[in-house]
């Protein structure tokens, strides 16, 4: 999530911080892990943890049931 500082003249309003919703994070890489923490190259049926590295350096993890 990126935030920007918007500065305006005092007569036209207050300065504020707003989120630029047009910039969605880009997924740079995806890796899968089983519940024991072992990396899985090609997940089949079962429960897995999906780890995505996003632009900006953030990491998103999701539990996946297939």
N, C-alpha and C. Protein backbone atom coordinates (compact mmCIF):
# COMPACT_ATOMS: atom_id res chain seq x y z
N UNK A 1 0.84 -1.15 0.00
CA UNK A 1 0.00 0.00 0.00
C UNK A 1 0.90 1.22 0.00
N UNK A 2 0.65 2.15 -0.89
CA UNK A 2 1.45 3.36 -0.97
C UNK A 2 0.58 4.55 -0.62
N UNK A 3 1.15 5.48 0.13
CA UNK A 3 0.46 6.69 0.50
C UNK A 3 1.25 7.87 -0.04
N UNK A 4 0.56 8.92 -0.38
CA UNK A 4 1.18 10.13 -0.90
C UNK A 4 0.70 11.32 -0.09
N UNK A 5 1.55 12.30 0.05
CA UNK A 5 1.21 13.53 0.75
C UNK A 5 0.77 14.54 -0.28
N UNK A 6 -0.43 15.03 -0.14
CA UNK A 6 -0.95 16.04 -1.06
C UNK A 6 -0.91 17.38 -0.35
N UNK A 7 -0.21 18.33 -0.95
CA UNK A 7 -0.08 19.66 -0.36
C UNK A 7 -0.85 20.64 -1.24
N UNK A 8 -1.76 21.36 -0.62
CA UNK A 8 -2.55 22.34 -1.35
C UNK A 8 -2.42 23.69 -0.66
N UNK A 9 -2.73 24.73 -1.39
CA UNK A 9 -2.69 26.07 -0.82
C UNK A 9 -3.78 26.20 0.24
N UNK A 10 -3.56 26.98 1.31
CA UNK A 10 -4.54 27.10 2.38
C UNK A 10 -5.93 27.54 1.91
N UNK A 11 -6.00 28.32 0.85
CA UNK A 11 -7.30 28.80 0.39
C UNK A 11 -8.10 27.71 -0.33
N UNK A 12 -7.41 26.66 -0.82
CA UNK A 12 -8.13 25.63 -1.57
C UNK A 12 -8.40 24.38 -0.75
N UNK A 13 -8.02 24.35 0.50
CA UNK A 13 -8.31 23.18 1.32
C UNK A 13 -7.13 22.82 2.22
N UNK A 14 -7.32 21.80 3.02
CA UNK A 14 -6.30 21.35 3.95
C UNK A 14 -5.39 20.32 3.29
N UNK A 15 -4.09 20.34 3.65
CA UNK A 15 -3.24 19.26 3.15
C UNK A 15 -3.68 17.94 3.76
N UNK A 16 -3.49 16.88 3.03
CA UNK A 16 -3.92 15.58 3.55
C UNK A 16 -3.11 14.46 2.97
N UNK A 17 -3.33 13.29 3.50
CA UNK A 17 -2.69 12.07 3.02
C UNK A 17 -3.78 11.22 2.40
N UNK A 18 -3.53 10.72 1.20
CA UNK A 18 -4.52 9.89 0.53
C UNK A 18 -3.82 8.68 -0.07
N UNK A 19 -4.57 7.62 -0.26
CA UNK A 19 -4.03 6.40 -0.84
C UNK A 19 -4.25 6.43 -2.34
N UNK A 20 -3.22 6.07 -3.08
CA UNK A 20 -3.35 5.98 -4.53
C UNK A 20 -3.82 4.57 -4.87
N UNK A 21 -5.10 4.41 -5.09
CA UNK A 21 -5.67 3.08 -5.31
C UNK A 21 -5.40 2.55 -6.71
N UNK A 22 -4.82 3.36 -7.59
CA UNK A 22 -4.53 2.88 -8.94
C UNK A 22 -3.27 2.03 -8.98
N UNK A 23 -2.44 2.08 -7.93
CA UNK A 23 -1.22 1.29 -7.89
C UNK A 23 -1.45 0.00 -7.11
N UNK A 24 -1.77 -1.05 -7.82
CA UNK A 24 -1.95 -2.35 -7.19
C UNK A 24 -0.60 -3.01 -7.05
N UNK A 25 -0.36 -3.77 -5.97
CA UNK A 25 0.93 -4.44 -5.84
C UNK A 25 1.12 -5.49 -6.94
N UNK A 26 2.33 -5.63 -7.41
CA UNK A 26 2.65 -6.61 -8.45
C UNK A 26 3.31 -7.81 -7.77
N UNK A 27 2.84 -9.00 -8.10
CA UNK A 27 3.40 -10.23 -7.55
C UNK A 27 4.69 -10.54 -8.28
N UNK A 28 5.81 -10.56 -7.54
CA UNK A 28 7.11 -10.82 -8.14
C UNK A 28 7.45 -12.30 -8.16
N UNK A 29 7.06 -13.04 -7.11
CA UNK A 29 7.29 -14.48 -7.09
C UNK A 29 6.27 -15.16 -6.17
N UNK A 30 6.01 -16.43 -6.46
CA UNK A 30 5.07 -17.24 -5.68
C UNK A 30 5.76 -18.54 -5.32
N UNK A 31 5.66 -18.94 -4.06
CA UNK A 31 6.18 -20.24 -3.63
C UNK A 31 5.14 -20.91 -2.74
N UNK A 32 5.17 -22.24 -2.75
CA UNK A 32 4.20 -23.06 -2.02
C UNK A 32 4.92 -23.88 -0.97
N UNK A 33 4.26 -24.08 0.19
CA UNK A 33 4.82 -24.87 1.28
C UNK A 33 3.74 -25.77 1.84
N UNK A 34 4.14 -26.96 2.32
CA UNK A 34 3.17 -27.82 3.00
C UNK A 34 3.12 -27.42 4.48
N UNK A 35 2.30 -28.10 5.26
CA UNK A 35 2.10 -27.72 6.65
C UNK A 35 3.31 -28.03 7.54
N UNK A 36 4.26 -28.81 7.03
CA UNK A 36 5.50 -29.07 7.76
C UNK A 36 6.58 -28.05 7.41
N UNK A 37 6.27 -27.12 6.51
CA UNK A 37 7.22 -26.08 6.14
C UNK A 37 8.13 -26.43 4.98
N UNK A 38 7.88 -27.57 4.34
CA UNK A 38 8.71 -27.98 3.20
C UNK A 38 8.20 -27.31 1.94
N UNK A 39 9.14 -26.84 1.12
CA UNK A 39 8.77 -26.19 -0.14
C UNK A 39 8.22 -27.23 -1.11
N UNK A 40 7.14 -26.88 -1.81
CA UNK A 40 6.49 -27.76 -2.77
C UNK A 40 6.54 -27.08 -4.14
N UNK A 41 7.07 -27.79 -5.15
CA UNK A 41 7.17 -27.21 -6.48
C UNK A 41 5.85 -27.25 -7.24
N UNK A 42 5.11 -28.35 -7.12
CA UNK A 42 3.86 -28.51 -7.86
C UNK A 42 2.79 -29.01 -6.89
N UNK A 43 2.06 -28.11 -6.21
CA UNK A 43 1.10 -28.55 -5.21
C UNK A 43 -0.08 -29.30 -5.84
N UNK A 44 -0.45 -30.39 -5.20
CA UNK A 44 -1.60 -31.17 -5.65
C UNK A 44 -2.78 -30.93 -4.72
N UNK A 45 -3.50 -32.00 -4.39
CA UNK A 45 -4.63 -31.91 -3.49
C UNK A 45 -4.12 -31.85 -2.05
N UNK A 46 -4.70 -30.97 -1.25
CA UNK A 46 -4.30 -30.86 0.14
C UNK A 46 -4.33 -29.43 0.63
N UNK A 47 -3.66 -29.19 1.75
CA UNK A 47 -3.61 -27.87 2.36
C UNK A 47 -2.18 -27.34 2.19
N UNK A 48 -2.07 -26.13 1.69
CA UNK A 48 -0.77 -25.53 1.43
C UNK A 48 -0.75 -24.08 1.90
N UNK A 49 0.45 -23.56 2.04
CA UNK A 49 0.64 -22.15 2.34
C UNK A 49 1.29 -21.52 1.11
N UNK A 50 0.64 -20.50 0.57
CA UNK A 50 1.15 -19.80 -0.60
C UNK A 50 1.83 -18.51 -0.13
N UNK A 51 3.06 -18.32 -0.54
CA UNK A 51 3.83 -17.13 -0.15
C UNK A 51 4.11 -16.31 -1.41
N UNK A 52 3.63 -15.06 -1.42
CA UNK A 52 3.83 -14.18 -2.56
C UNK A 52 4.72 -13.01 -2.13
N UNK A 53 5.75 -12.73 -2.91
CA UNK A 53 6.58 -11.56 -2.69
C UNK A 53 6.08 -10.48 -3.64
N UNK A 54 5.69 -9.33 -3.07
CA UNK A 54 5.08 -8.27 -3.84
C UNK A 54 6.07 -7.14 -4.08
N UNK A 55 5.74 -6.33 -5.09
CA UNK A 55 6.56 -5.15 -5.33
C UNK A 55 6.49 -4.26 -4.09
N UNK A 56 7.55 -3.61 -3.79
CA UNK A 56 7.61 -2.80 -2.58
C UNK A 56 8.18 -3.57 -1.41
N UNK A 57 8.46 -4.88 -1.59
CA UNK A 57 9.10 -5.66 -0.55
C UNK A 57 8.16 -6.35 0.43
N UNK A 58 6.87 -6.19 0.30
CA UNK A 58 5.95 -6.85 1.23
C UNK A 58 5.75 -8.31 0.83
N UNK A 59 5.34 -9.11 1.81
CA UNK A 59 5.11 -10.55 1.60
C UNK A 59 3.68 -10.85 2.04
N UNK A 60 2.94 -11.57 1.17
CA UNK A 60 1.57 -11.96 1.48
C UNK A 60 1.51 -13.48 1.56
N UNK A 61 0.99 -14.01 2.65
CA UNK A 61 0.84 -15.45 2.81
C UNK A 61 -0.64 -15.80 2.89
N UNK A 62 -1.00 -16.91 2.26
CA UNK A 62 -2.40 -17.34 2.21
C UNK A 62 -2.45 -18.84 2.41
N UNK A 63 -3.42 -19.31 3.21
CA UNK A 63 -3.67 -20.75 3.34
C UNK A 63 -4.58 -21.18 2.21
N UNK A 64 -4.19 -22.22 1.49
CA UNK A 64 -4.94 -22.70 0.33
C UNK A 64 -5.36 -24.13 0.58
N UNK A 65 -6.63 -24.43 0.36
CA UNK A 65 -7.14 -25.79 0.43
C UNK A 65 -7.55 -26.18 -0.98
N UNK A 66 -6.92 -27.23 -1.50
CA UNK A 66 -7.21 -27.68 -2.87
C UNK A 66 -7.96 -28.97 -2.84
